[in-house]
Each structure stands twice: as structure tokens, then as C-alpha cells.
Amino acid sequence: MLNDLWKCIFITPGIVELGIVTQSRPPEEPDHHAMTSGLLQPEMIGIEERQEALLALLQPGSGRAMVSRFEQYASEHGIGLDWIWACRDAHGNLESSVLCVPSAGRTAMVFLSSVRSPSQVHQRAALLEHALAYLKEQDVDLAQSLLPCDDQLGHEAHVNGGLLPLTTLLYMERSLARPFKSPPVPDGIELIPWTESMDETLGCILDATYEDTLDCPGLCGLRRTEDIILGHKSCGRQDPGGWILARIDGAFAGAILVNHSRNDDNVELVYIGLAPAARGRGLGAFLLQTLLARYSGSSFRRMTLAVDTKNLPAIQIYEALGFRGTGHRNAYIASLAGKA
């Protein structure tokens, strides 16, 4: 799971929106979070045992050297590692753990020790339930997690622990090695470069594009639009030149947002959407072609994205423009807003 953490933070799918923020101080554990006694008693882990807890998140065979590298990377990039809980075995050793990484936009990404046998499902679910109970009292509206599509035991632990299935994400990428010709601007279309002063306009556009969306519709209404924008800004490194708003027939009705990846020379399609009245006119492809022209033939190697596998119209556009699938993940969420 920790291997996925690096990928999720820095090849950020639209659902994950992981602009990592630093936890200023270790959080205090509320007394009423106590659960059943014995081996199902999750406890918040301090820095002295943090490596052991992180090691429990790694794939079998991983070692402390990888944990140390990750801790250093987390420190350098402001990734919060304070929200980590673990359960102990009968000998007092840390057996399983869960890490919650706070993110910009009132979200948290959840990483759970892998479930290798049916007997571990209950313990892992108890860890998740405990962590979500804590997050409900923090300034977090949405918890999110990703699993391999064939991880049935992990699925059971997530569902039993309170993280419910959202959708399956398809990860795609396209080479930017060759120059891409900028498309002609269709009649009635005006492209407006985003500026900080246009966040209110962007929010109205996003709200309109969510109507009847095919891309993770289960997320609609779970977060405030201003928090979604903050999350988009914090995906990788924001490139203001890659944020374009579309005025269509005189009204703002579309947007495309592309950021730089934080740890490599890729760019990521963070969001693309059109209001219902603007759909079916080829404008989604036009917006993407415009940004492909901006980044192709430059120092960037690839454009990456993640899309709901049910969003077939979008996938068809991506494939027609040269994107190819690289993998799938099942996404899980827990809505925490107003539940403290």
C-alpha cells in the first residue's frame, strides 16, 4: 500500500486530489475513541514506532531502507505522517497499521496494511473504523482510498470499516515527445486563461459541469466547491498556464486544468468538464488538443490522467488522441462532513 502512496500523491487521479499539507503538530487522541480490548485496540503511533507502523504498510519483503527513504521524502515535501494507528499482536509487536494523509481541500487519503487472509479482515476493518472516527472530528470532509481491482479481502475490510466503493479508475497516459499542432478555435468559443481572481467563475463552471456527469458522480455534493478548487491547485504543482476556462456562446461553460507532476517531468490532466448545453459538440476534444499543443514537444515526457471506467465518451476522446491505459484501481470513499 505504501508503494501506492507514492503513486497516488504524485500521479494524482482526479478523485484523489492530493495536495499534501503539513500537520503542524501531532493530534491528540480523544478518549472516547477507545474500542474493544485486546488485539483490536488500535492506538495512535508516536514517532518512536513510526517506522514499524510504516513497515506494516509495505509489500512483504520490503525493508527499513525503503521506509527511511519515504520518511525523508515525506519530510522534504510536507507529507503529514502524524495520523497513523496500529494494532499489536499477542507479543506486543505492531501487526497492522493505517495511515491517513491530510490533503488540501479537506480530504484525507487512507492507506491500510494489506489483508493476506480472511482472518485479518476484522482487524483491518477495526483499524479503518477507528481512523475514520478520528477524521470525523477533524477538518476533513472526505476520506479516500484505492485498492487493486482483484483485492477481494481488502475490499471486505474497507467496506466493513466504513469506506464504500465509488468506482473503478482507469489510468491513462500519452507521450508528449512529438509536437502537437494547436487546433483552430471553433466559432463561438473563447478561451480565457485562469487567474486567481477568477476562482468564483471557475467554481460556477465546475458546479455546472457536475450536472449529469459520468465521471465519479458519487462524489457530487460531498464537498464544497471552494475546497475542490483548492484540491485541484494542490495536485502536483499548479501551472496557471495550464488552467483554461471556456466561454461558449457568450457564457462560461467549460474548463480544463493541467498541472505539473511534483516528482517528475510529466503533466497531469487534473480536470476537464463541460456544462450540459456545451456537450456533444466536440469541445472536450478541442480543449484537450489545445493543452496537448501547449505541452507537446517540450521538456515534458507524458500527460497522465485518471478517468471513471463508466465514462465511455471521455475514454473514447482520450483514446482517439493517443492516450493508452496503464492500469486500474478501485476507489473507495467515506463522507465525513457534518458527522462529528
Protein backbone atom coordinates (compact mmCIF):
# COMPACT_ATOMS: atom_id res chain seq x y z
CA MET A 1 0.00 0.00 0.00
CA LEU A 2 2.84 2.44 0.72
CA ASN A 3 4.03 1.87 -2.82
CA ASP A 4 0.62 3.13 -3.96
CA LEU A 5 1.04 6.16 -1.70
CA TRP A 6 3.90 7.49 -3.81
CA LYS A 7 1.91 6.88 -6.99
CA CYS A 8 -1.31 8.40 -5.62
CA ILE A 9 0.32 11.55 -4.35
CA PHE A 10 2.39 12.28 -7.40
CA ILE A 11 0.37 10.73 -10.24
CA THR A 12 -2.74 12.26 -8.83
CA PRO A 13 -6.04 10.99 -10.24
CA GLY A 14 -8.90 13.47 -10.29
CA ILE A 15 -10.64 11.74 -7.36
CA VAL A 16 -7.52 11.75 -5.20
CA GLU A 17 -6.72 15.48 -5.36
CA LEU A 18 -3.76 15.08 -3.05
CA GLY A 19 -2.21 18.49 -2.42
CA ILE A 20 -0.41 17.41 0.74
CA VAL A 21 -0.41 19.77 3.70
CA THR A 22 1.87 19.59 6.70
CA GLN A 23 0.33 18.54 10.00
CA SER A 24 1.59 21.26 12.33
CA ARG A 25 1.60 19.10 15.49
CA PRO A 26 0.71 15.53 16.40
CA PRO A 27 -3.05 15.34 17.01
CA GLU A 28 -4.40 14.42 20.43
CA GLU A 29 -6.32 11.18 20.66
CA PRO A 30 -9.88 11.68 22.05
CA ASP A 31 -10.67 9.33 24.96
CA HIS A 32 -13.99 8.17 23.52
CA HIS A 33 -12.28 6.57 20.54
CA ALA A 34 -11.44 3.54 22.66
CA MET A 35 -12.61 0.33 21.07
CA THR A 36 -12.73 -3.30 22.12
CA SER A 37 -9.92 -4.54 24.34
CA GLY A 38 -7.15 -6.90 23.25
CA LEU A 39 -5.74 -7.19 19.77
CA LEU A 40 -8.41 -4.99 18.19
CA GLN A 41 -7.41 -1.95 20.26
CA PRO A 42 -5.93 0.47 17.69
CA GLU A 43 -3.52 3.01 19.11
CA MET A 44 -2.02 6.15 17.67
CA ILE A 45 1.65 5.58 16.95
CA GLY A 46 4.32 8.03 18.03
CA ILE A 47 7.48 8.88 16.16
CA GLU A 48 9.48 6.27 18.10
CA GLU A 49 7.47 3.43 16.50
CA ARG A 50 6.56 5.12 13.25
CA GLN A 51 8.98 3.12 11.13
CA GLU A 52 7.47 -0.12 12.41
CA ALA A 53 3.99 1.13 11.56
CA LEU A 54 5.04 2.25 8.08
CA LEU A 55 6.78 -1.08 7.52
CA ALA A 56 3.43 -2.79 8.12
CA LEU A 57 2.04 -0.84 5.14
CA LEU A 58 4.67 -2.08 2.72
CA GLN A 59 4.51 -5.10 0.48
CA PRO A 60 6.01 -8.26 2.05
CA GLY A 61 9.76 -8.33 1.60
CA SER A 62 10.21 -4.56 1.79
CA GLY A 63 12.71 -3.26 4.30
CA ARG A 64 13.59 -0.35 6.55
CA ALA A 65 15.68 1.31 3.87
CA MET A 66 12.53 1.96 1.85
CA VAL A 67 10.75 3.27 4.94
CA SER A 68 13.64 5.63 5.68
CA ARG A 69 13.62 6.92 2.12
CA PHE A 70 9.91 7.53 2.32
CA GLU A 71 10.19 9.35 5.65
CA GLN A 72 12.84 11.62 4.16
CA TYR A 73 10.72 12.22 1.07
CA ALA A 74 7.67 12.96 3.21
CA SER A 75 9.64 15.45 5.28
CA GLU A 76 11.00 17.22 2.20
CA HIS A 77 7.56 17.52 0.59
CA GLY A 78 5.40 18.31 3.62
CA ILE A 79 3.56 14.97 3.67
CA GLY A 80 1.92 14.54 7.07
CA LEU A 81 2.69 11.22 8.81
CA ASP A 82 1.17 12.01 12.21
CA TRP A 83 -2.17 10.28 11.66
CA ILE A 84 -1.09 6.66 11.90
CA TRP A 85 -2.63 3.93 14.05
CA ALA A 86 -1.70 0.29 14.59
CA CYS A 87 -2.82 -2.95 16.22
CA ARG A 88 -0.41 -5.23 18.08
CA ASP A 89 -0.12 -8.99 18.07
CA ALA A 90 -0.15 -11.18 21.19
CA HIS A 91 3.53 -10.38 21.78
CA GLY A 92 3.08 -6.61 21.63
CA ASN A 93 4.57 -6.20 18.17
CA LEU A 94 2.90 -3.94 15.62
CA GLU A 95 0.96 -6.23 13.29
CA SER A 96 -1.08 -3.90 11.07
CA SER A 97 -1.47 -0.18 10.60
CA VAL A 98 -3.45 2.52 8.86
CA LEU A 99 -2.08 5.87 7.67
CA CYS A 100 -4.26 8.89 6.92
CA VAL A 101 -2.55 11.60 4.89
CA PRO A 102 -4.29 15.00 5.22
CA SER A 103 -4.73 16.86 1.96
CA ALA A 104 -5.66 20.32 0.78
CA GLY A 105 -9.39 20.75 0.28
CA ARG A 106 -10.46 18.94 3.48
CA THR A 107 -9.67 15.43 2.28
CA ALA A 108 -7.52 12.61 3.57
CA MET A 109 -6.04 9.65 1.74
CA VAL A 110 -6.20 6.37 3.67
CA PHE A 111 -3.64 3.55 3.39
CA LEU A 112 -4.23 0.23 5.13
CA SER A 113 -2.00 -2.79 5.68
CA SER A 114 -2.74 -5.42 3.07
CA VAL A 115 -5.15 -8.19 4.03
CA ARG A 116 -3.48 -11.53 3.36
CA SER A 117 -6.01 -13.91 4.91
CA PRO A 118 -9.74 -13.86 5.80
CA SER A 119 -8.83 -13.92 9.49
CA GLN A 120 -7.28 -10.45 9.13
CA VAL A 121 -10.36 -8.74 7.67
CA HIS A 122 -11.93 -7.94 11.05
CA GLN A 123 -8.74 -6.39 12.46
CA ARG A 124 -8.12 -4.27 9.38
CA ALA A 125 -11.76 -3.10 9.38
CA ALA A 126 -11.43 -2.13 13.05
CA LEU A 127 -8.39 -0.02 12.19
CA LEU A 128 -10.27 1.75 9.41
CA GLU A 129 -13.31 2.35 11.60
CA HIS A 130 -11.10 3.82 14.31
CA ALA A 131 -9.25 6.10 11.88
CA LEU A 132 -12.48 7.36 10.28
CA ALA A 133 -13.94 8.08 13.72
CA TYR A 134 -10.94 10.32 14.37
CA LEU A 135 -11.12 12.03 10.98
CA LYS A 136 -14.78 12.88 11.58
CA GLU A 137 -13.66 15.20 14.38
CA GLN A 138 -11.02 16.92 12.27
CA ASP A 139 -11.44 19.41 9.47
CA VAL A 140 -11.87 16.59 6.93
CA ASP A 141 -14.94 16.19 4.74
CA LEU A 142 -13.90 13.19 2.65
CA ALA A 143 -11.68 10.16 3.18
CA GLN A 144 -10.49 8.25 0.13
CA SER A 145 -8.62 5.03 -0.63
CA LEU A 146 -7.51 2.99 -3.63
CA LEU A 147 -7.17 -0.78 -3.99
CA PRO A 148 -6.10 -3.18 -6.74
CA CYS A 149 -9.18 -4.42 -8.56
CA ASP A 150 -8.56 -8.05 -7.58
CA ASP A 151 -8.13 -7.38 -3.84
CA GLN A 152 -11.31 -9.00 -2.53
CA LEU A 153 -10.11 -9.26 1.07
CA GLY A 154 -9.07 -5.62 1.04
CA HIS A 155 -12.49 -4.77 -0.37
CA GLU A 156 -14.21 -6.56 2.52
CA ALA A 157 -12.05 -4.79 5.09
CA HIS A 158 -12.70 -1.39 3.52
CA VAL A 159 -16.46 -1.87 3.32
CA ASN A 160 -16.68 -3.27 6.86
CA GLY A 161 -14.54 -0.39 8.11
CA GLY A 162 -16.68 2.33 6.51
CA LEU A 163 -15.02 3.08 3.15
CA LEU A 164 -17.56 2.35 0.44
CA PRO A 165 -16.94 1.60 -3.26
CA LEU A 166 -17.10 4.64 -5.54
CA THR A 167 -15.94 3.41 -8.94
CA THR A 168 -13.08 1.83 -10.85
CA LEU A 169 -10.50 4.27 -12.18
CA LEU A 170 -8.62 3.78 -15.44
CA TYR A 171 -5.16 5.37 -15.51
CA MET A 172 -4.02 6.60 -18.91
CA GLU A 173 -1.03 8.40 -20.36
CA ARG A 174 0.19 9.87 -23.64
CA SER A 175 3.68 10.69 -24.88
CA LEU A 176 4.47 14.37 -25.37
CA ALA A 177 7.67 13.75 -27.33
CA ARG A 178 6.36 14.97 -30.67
CA PRO A 179 4.95 18.45 -31.31
CA PHE A 180 1.16 18.65 -31.50
CA LYS A 181 -0.48 21.22 -33.74
CA SER A 182 -2.79 23.63 -31.97
CA PRO A 183 -6.38 23.19 -33.19
CA PRO A 184 -8.41 26.04 -34.70
CA VAL A 185 -10.78 27.70 -32.26
CA PRO A 186 -14.41 26.85 -33.14
CA ASP A 187 -16.90 29.61 -33.78
CA GLY A 188 -18.49 30.94 -30.61
CA ILE A 189 -15.66 29.71 -28.37
CA GLU A 190 -13.38 31.98 -26.35
CA LEU A 191 -10.55 30.59 -24.22
CA ILE A 192 -9.82 32.59 -21.07
CA PRO A 193 -6.61 31.95 -19.11
CA TRP A 194 -7.37 31.41 -15.43
CA THR A 195 -6.18 33.91 -12.81
CA GLU A 196 -6.58 33.90 -9.02
CA SER A 197 -9.35 36.47 -9.33
CA MET A 198 -11.43 34.01 -11.38
CA ASP A 199 -11.94 31.34 -8.71
CA GLU A 200 -15.59 32.31 -8.26
CA THR A 201 -16.15 31.95 -12.01
CA LEU A 202 -14.30 28.64 -12.01
CA GLY A 203 -16.50 27.44 -9.15
CA CYS A 204 -19.64 28.22 -11.13
CA ILE A 205 -18.22 26.37 -14.13
CA LEU A 206 -17.37 23.32 -12.03
CA ASP A 207 -20.83 23.23 -10.49
CA ALA A 208 -22.37 23.30 -13.96
CA THR A 209 -20.10 20.54 -15.28
CA TYR A 210 -21.05 18.22 -12.41
CA GLU A 211 -24.65 18.10 -13.66
CA ASP A 212 -25.31 14.62 -15.10
CA THR A 213 -21.58 13.90 -15.06
CA LEU A 214 -20.37 10.39 -15.91
CA ASP A 215 -17.08 10.84 -14.05
CA CYS A 216 -17.40 9.73 -10.42
CA PRO A 217 -20.97 11.03 -9.98
CA GLY A 218 -20.93 9.62 -6.44
CA LEU A 219 -18.65 12.50 -5.42
CA CYS A 220 -21.17 15.19 -6.34
CA GLY A 221 -22.35 17.22 -3.38
CA LEU A 222 -19.88 15.71 -0.90
CA ARG A 223 -17.50 18.68 -0.82
CA ARG A 224 -17.66 22.44 -1.06
CA THR A 225 -16.67 23.75 -4.46
CA GLU A 226 -14.03 26.06 -3.00
CA ASP A 227 -12.39 23.03 -1.39
CA ILE A 228 -12.43 21.18 -4.70
CA ILE A 229 -10.63 24.11 -6.34
CA LEU A 230 -8.08 24.14 -3.53
CA GLY A 231 -7.53 20.43 -4.08
CA HIS A 232 -7.05 20.94 -7.81
CA LYS A 233 -4.49 23.68 -7.15
CA SER A 234 -2.55 21.36 -4.88
CA CYS A 235 -2.37 18.42 -7.29
CA GLY A 236 1.33 18.25 -8.06
CA ARG A 237 2.49 21.78 -8.91
CA GLN A 238 -0.08 24.15 -10.31
CA ASP A 239 0.69 25.56 -13.74
CA PRO A 240 -1.51 28.66 -14.20
CA GLY A 241 -0.88 28.48 -17.95
CA GLY A 242 -2.47 25.05 -17.99
CA TRP A 243 -5.76 26.27 -16.49
CA ILE A 244 -8.12 27.40 -19.23
CA LEU A 245 -11.76 28.48 -18.90
CA ALA A 246 -14.05 28.28 -21.92
CA ARG A 247 -16.68 30.87 -22.74
CA ILE A 248 -19.13 29.19 -25.10
CA ASP A 249 -21.72 31.25 -26.95
CA GLY A 250 -21.10 34.09 -24.52
CA ALA A 251 -21.36 32.11 -21.28
CA PHE A 252 -18.73 30.28 -19.25
CA ALA A 253 -19.45 26.58 -19.71
CA GLY A 254 -16.21 24.59 -19.64
CA ALA A 255 -12.77 24.25 -18.11
CA ILE A 256 -9.59 22.24 -18.46
CA LEU A 257 -6.95 22.12 -15.72
CA VAL A 258 -3.46 20.67 -16.24
CA ASN A 259 -0.73 20.70 -13.57
CA HIS A 260 2.91 19.67 -13.45
CA SER A 261 3.60 16.41 -11.62
CA ARG A 262 5.51 17.05 -8.43
CA ASN A 263 8.26 14.46 -8.75
CA ASP A 264 8.95 14.03 -12.47
CA ASP A 265 8.72 15.70 -15.85
CA ASN A 266 5.13 14.72 -16.58
CA VAL A 267 1.99 16.82 -16.59
CA GLU A 268 -1.38 15.67 -15.35
CA LEU A 269 -4.87 16.35 -16.61
CA VAL A 270 -6.42 17.28 -13.28
CA TYR A 271 -9.89 18.13 -14.59
CA ILE A 272 -11.82 18.63 -17.79
CA GLY A 273 -15.54 19.28 -17.96
CA LEU A 274 -18.34 20.91 -19.89
CA ALA A 275 -21.78 22.12 -18.88
CA PRO A 276 -24.62 20.01 -20.34
CA ALA A 277 -25.51 22.58 -23.03
CA ALA A 278 -21.93 22.51 -24.35
CA ARG A 279 -21.62 18.74 -24.64
CA GLY A 280 -21.79 16.75 -27.86
CA ARG A 281 -20.06 19.42 -29.97
CA GLY A 282 -16.50 18.13 -29.87
CA LEU A 283 -15.44 20.82 -27.42
CA GLY A 284 -13.94 18.41 -24.92
CA ALA A 285 -11.56 17.11 -27.56
CA PHE A 286 -10.79 20.70 -28.61
CA LEU A 287 -9.87 21.73 -25.06
CA LEU A 288 -7.61 18.72 -24.63
CA GLN A 289 -5.97 19.26 -28.03
CA THR A 290 -5.26 22.86 -27.02
CA LEU A 291 -3.35 21.75 -23.92
CA LEU A 292 -1.61 18.90 -25.76
CA ALA A 293 -0.28 21.54 -28.15
CA ARG A 294 0.98 23.57 -25.19
CA TYR A 295 2.98 20.75 -23.61
CA SER A 296 3.99 18.53 -26.56
CA GLY A 297 7.48 18.84 -27.99
CA SER A 298 8.71 20.46 -24.78
CA SER A 299 10.65 19.17 -21.78
CA PHE A 300 7.65 17.19 -20.54
CA ARG A 301 7.56 13.48 -21.34
CA ARG A 302 3.96 12.41 -20.76
CA MET A 303 0.49 13.62 -19.91
CA THR A 304 -1.28 11.40 -17.39
CA LEU A 305 -4.88 11.20 -16.23
CA ALA A 306 -7.40 9.03 -14.42
CA VAL A 307 -10.98 8.51 -15.55
CA ASP A 308 -14.04 6.66 -14.32
CA THR A 309 -14.33 3.46 -16.36
CA LYS A 310 -18.05 4.19 -16.79
CA ASN A 311 -17.26 7.47 -18.56
CA LEU A 312 -17.07 5.91 -22.01
CA PRO A 313 -17.42 9.18 -24.00
CA ALA A 314 -14.36 10.61 -22.25
CA ILE A 315 -12.36 7.40 -22.70
CA GLN A 316 -13.16 7.44 -26.42
CA ILE A 317 -11.82 11.00 -26.68
CA TYR A 318 -8.66 10.11 -24.79
CA GLU A 319 -8.01 7.04 -26.94
CA ALA A 320 -8.62 8.99 -30.15
CA LEU A 321 -5.98 11.50 -29.02
CA GLY A 322 -3.38 8.84 -28.32
CA PHE A 323 -3.85 8.05 -24.63
CA ARG A 324 -3.37 4.43 -23.60
CA GLY A 325 -4.39 2.65 -20.42
CA THR A 326 -1.71 1.79 -17.88
CA GLY A 327 -3.72 0.26 -15.04
CA HIS A 328 -6.86 0.22 -12.93
CA ARG A 329 -7.68 0.87 -9.27
CA ASN A 330 -10.90 0.60 -7.32
CA ALA A 331 -11.73 3.83 -5.46
CA TYR A 332 -13.42 3.96 -2.04
CA ILE A 333 -14.75 6.94 -0.12
CA ALA A 334 -16.27 7.90 3.22
CA SER A 335 -18.20 11.15 3.50
CA LEU A 336 -17.34 12.74 6.84
CA ALA A 337 -18.82 16.24 6.55
CA GLY A 338 -21.18 17.11 9.38
CA LYS A 339 -20.70 13.77 11.12
CA ALA A 340 -18.55 14.74 14.06
